[in-house]
Amino acid sequence: MPDYKRNLPNFYLVIKGDSQNYSSPTRGGSQKSVPLRNRIEHAETLLKAFEKVFEDYQQQKSLREPEIAFGESGFYLEFQLQKSEIEAVEKLEDKRKKIELLTVRSSENNDETILATVFVPDKAAGFFTSKIEAYRDEETDNGNPKNEPLITSLEDISLGTVRGLFTDNLTLFPSESQEVWWEVWLRHGCRESFHQIAELFDIRITENSIIFPEREVVLTLASVTDLSRIIKNKGLIAELRLAKDSPSMFFEMDMQEQVSWVEELANRIIVASNTNLAVCLLDGGVTREHPLIKPALASEDLLTCDPNWGVEDTQRGHGTHMAGIALYGNLYNALATSSKVYLTHRLESVKILPAQGENDPKLYGAITKEAVSRAVVRNPNRQRVICMPVTSELHNDTGHNNTTGIPSSWSAAVDQTCFEFQQLMVIPVGNIRGDIMLSEYPDRNDLNPAENPSQAWNALVVGAYTNKVNIVDPRYAKWQTIAPAGDLSPRSRTSLLWTDKWPIRPDVTFEGGNLATDDTDSPGMDIDDLRLLTTYYQPNVRQFNLFGDTSAATALCSYMAAGIWAKHPEYWPETVRALIVHSAEWTPAMLNNLPRNPSQSKKVAILLRRYGYGVPNLERAILSSKNDLTMICEDQLQPFHKDDGQVKTKEMNLHILPWPTQELEKLREAKVEMRITLSYFIEPNPGERGWQNKHSYASYGLRLAVKRSTETLAAFRQRINKEARETQENVTSTVTGDSGWFLGPKTWTRGSIHSDIWQGTAADLAQKDSIGIYPVSGWWRYNSRWEGWNKTARYALIVSIRVVDEVEVDIYTPISNKIKQTVPINMI
């Protein structure tokens, strides 16, 4: 199976589109039976294996370190059995001899084999050899070999290792020297000894632990080498797992221990000295004095829309909670490592909420623009991601409930801010208020429409999903999470009730945590294990807090956007938005949580208006591989012009892409995917009339058309102009007869970002190397007194090719070579 690492830079296409005049219009296998044994041969094989075990153990014993090898001594044994004989593993344990079964796991090399690890005290070292000899030499009263059920099930025996105690996915097993956080599952009564050895080895452990009847779990920062050293000297460890992202371990620490962890992290922080990048929080203020916030938030970057409000966090910590995630992403990960933490962006805070009471909802549009203006004036050359986690119930500007997605004055102000200031704004889709019942999920989400100002076309609107389903707190051991892993976070809203012509909301989803309940008729509760860890706004009280829902998801999205910009500061805001959407994929849970046998249109509507385009991935956004590559183009065109006193469409761009035609043709029927994302900012209609007509709200629109595998380039050029002229904004006809699009061309007319995936054969994709971008009408065309007909429109076009089938292929190098033969290219 090919192993394609995503470690190649994306292609940034320097060559622009060709501008042209444009006139508008499961398998299951059978289990292997345990073979009949030759009694003598099988016994001798196992005894020989034991001889090797004892030889290895004596050598290990001779190297023990007296300062830690105190108390009860013993060794670990690993037994190999057929999976069909799994019941025999219980016979490996003997309580009287203090022989303890520790782990049972599948073999990484053979699906039909299991491996069982036991701890054997030195005093019982001969226990299993006696069992084998009795099997060889003695019979039961029934005439069968003694111990036959156990001994005949054994295939091999070896000395136990750290790997043998690891019960997580073996692909996640760390390298020998890599320090990671482990869940160390200790045998009963071994905590004190483990603590002493950890101090001696300078191994970091948490003070608190989780206690079960036969095990005690402690979080430990160590390498495989460290743990191997321990098990060779002491039989303390029963099982090892990688530490899961449960914030409760940190949140439940006392103040002194929290301070210790924060100080330790603060000493590892490296702030980029020359960074010109910030996440700008429009919220209720931020507590700058928090030790984890202060290094990245200058006092002069604490701003407010009203001097009477001050700049401090007075909204019960919401702004400071956002700051911790916007700066560190998952704060748990920053704490749970010994590596340096590099902060490649800074923070800005503009307080838009009063200390008491609320703003008049009609003022939020003006306040939003004022807040961004203050940040821009303060640092005009700074690149920033504007993160505004503030929403309100969606009413139209006459005060009536708005479930259609019609723009409001606030959402229009967001669009205007993005357009005028060329800023990337990230906002949430909004949270469901009130109790959430398990029986209501996800219908409750589908019936609660996205909140104001998520109707904004230009903003990146974020919903919440969750992978948090592990409850480790024994108090909630029998509780059930509301959302399954990979599905919508319980409080995240959707746009399924919106009129179909308005933008898809959310655009993407990020982690927002989960709820849990002990009764299907009881409301879901916030459980510590199911939340995200962040900074607390009163560091004199405690250092950490738990956070979640669409606010946390919005902060994580802002963190990712800053990560892309830190890598590529030359990108436009439209491009960063496009890459986040382009890198998103639906989880299996999202794809499976659909009505039974839905029509394709129903399936698409639920996917998009519940989950957006799915869950983004930073690695996919910035890197390519040999079988999965991304091309990025930033370009512009003039949608309209005046001709004989009439405003008409002016031009379109034709992008002829560097295409791995020969390589794709060689793959013939292999399954491939092409993904295309188009992102641009519209200028909103500055008045309120006609907002129910999307064409009078947006200044213009852009549409795309893709060359069919069966048509020539000349035919493609002619088709775009002819069909668009005849149908004007009916883009569907431009791809008539071109099947394979997952979402379909009808979705390419919503909002100002469009993304879709074409699936087909490599032979067909080989000829689909051209994309046309052309304008459709908006108020720039019909309101000529504003002279929009004289303006240009810029856009980001992202195109990816992925070979889905597992075949040996390199489509990356041919594209690189093809571009080098024409013009210089930025490999980014």
Foldseek 3Di string as FASTA:
>chain_A
DDDWDFDFFFFADPDFFDWDWFFFADDDDDADDQDDDPLQVLLVQAVVLLVVQVVVLVVLVVPADVVQLDDWDWFKKKWKFFQVLVVLVVVQDDVVQPKAWFDKAADPVDNRMIMTMIIGTPVCSCVVNVQSVQQNPHADPVRHRGPVSNSSRTDHMHTDAQLSQEHPDSVPQDDQFFWFKKFFKWFPPCVVSVVVVCVVVVKDWAPDWADDPGTITIITTGGSNSVRSNNSRHDTTRHMYGDDQFCCSQVVDAFVVQVVLLVLLLVQEDEPPPALEEAEEAEAAEQCPQSVQVVQEDPLLQAEPDVVQPHARLPQFLRQQLSFCLFQPFVSVSSGHNHHDYGRYGYGYYYLAHNDDGDDVVCLLVSVLSRVVVNCVSPVPGAYEYEYADFDQADAPVRHHDLALQAHSNLLSVLQSCVPSLHAYEYEQDWADDFFFLVCPPVVQAPRGGTPPQLRQAYQYEFAAAQQFDDPHVVCVQKGWSDHGQGGARTTHFNLSHHPQAFFPNQAYYHFWTFIDNDRPDTTDDDSRGFGKGAGSPVVRHGIDTGGGRSSRRSSLSSLLSVVCSVPVPDGSQLSSQLQSQQFARDPSLQPPAPPPDDLQRSLSCSRGRGNRHHGDSSSSTTAIQFKHKYKYKFKDQQWAADPNAITGTIKGKDQALFLLVQLVVQFFFKKKKKKKKAFRFNAQNDDPPSVPVQAGGQKAKAKAWDWLPDDPVVLVVLVSVVSSNNQPPCQVRCVPPDFKSNGRVNRSYRGMDMIMGMGGSNGVSRRRMMMMHMGHHVVRVVCVVVSSVDMIMMMMMMMMHRDDPDDGGGPVSSVVVSVVPDDIDRD
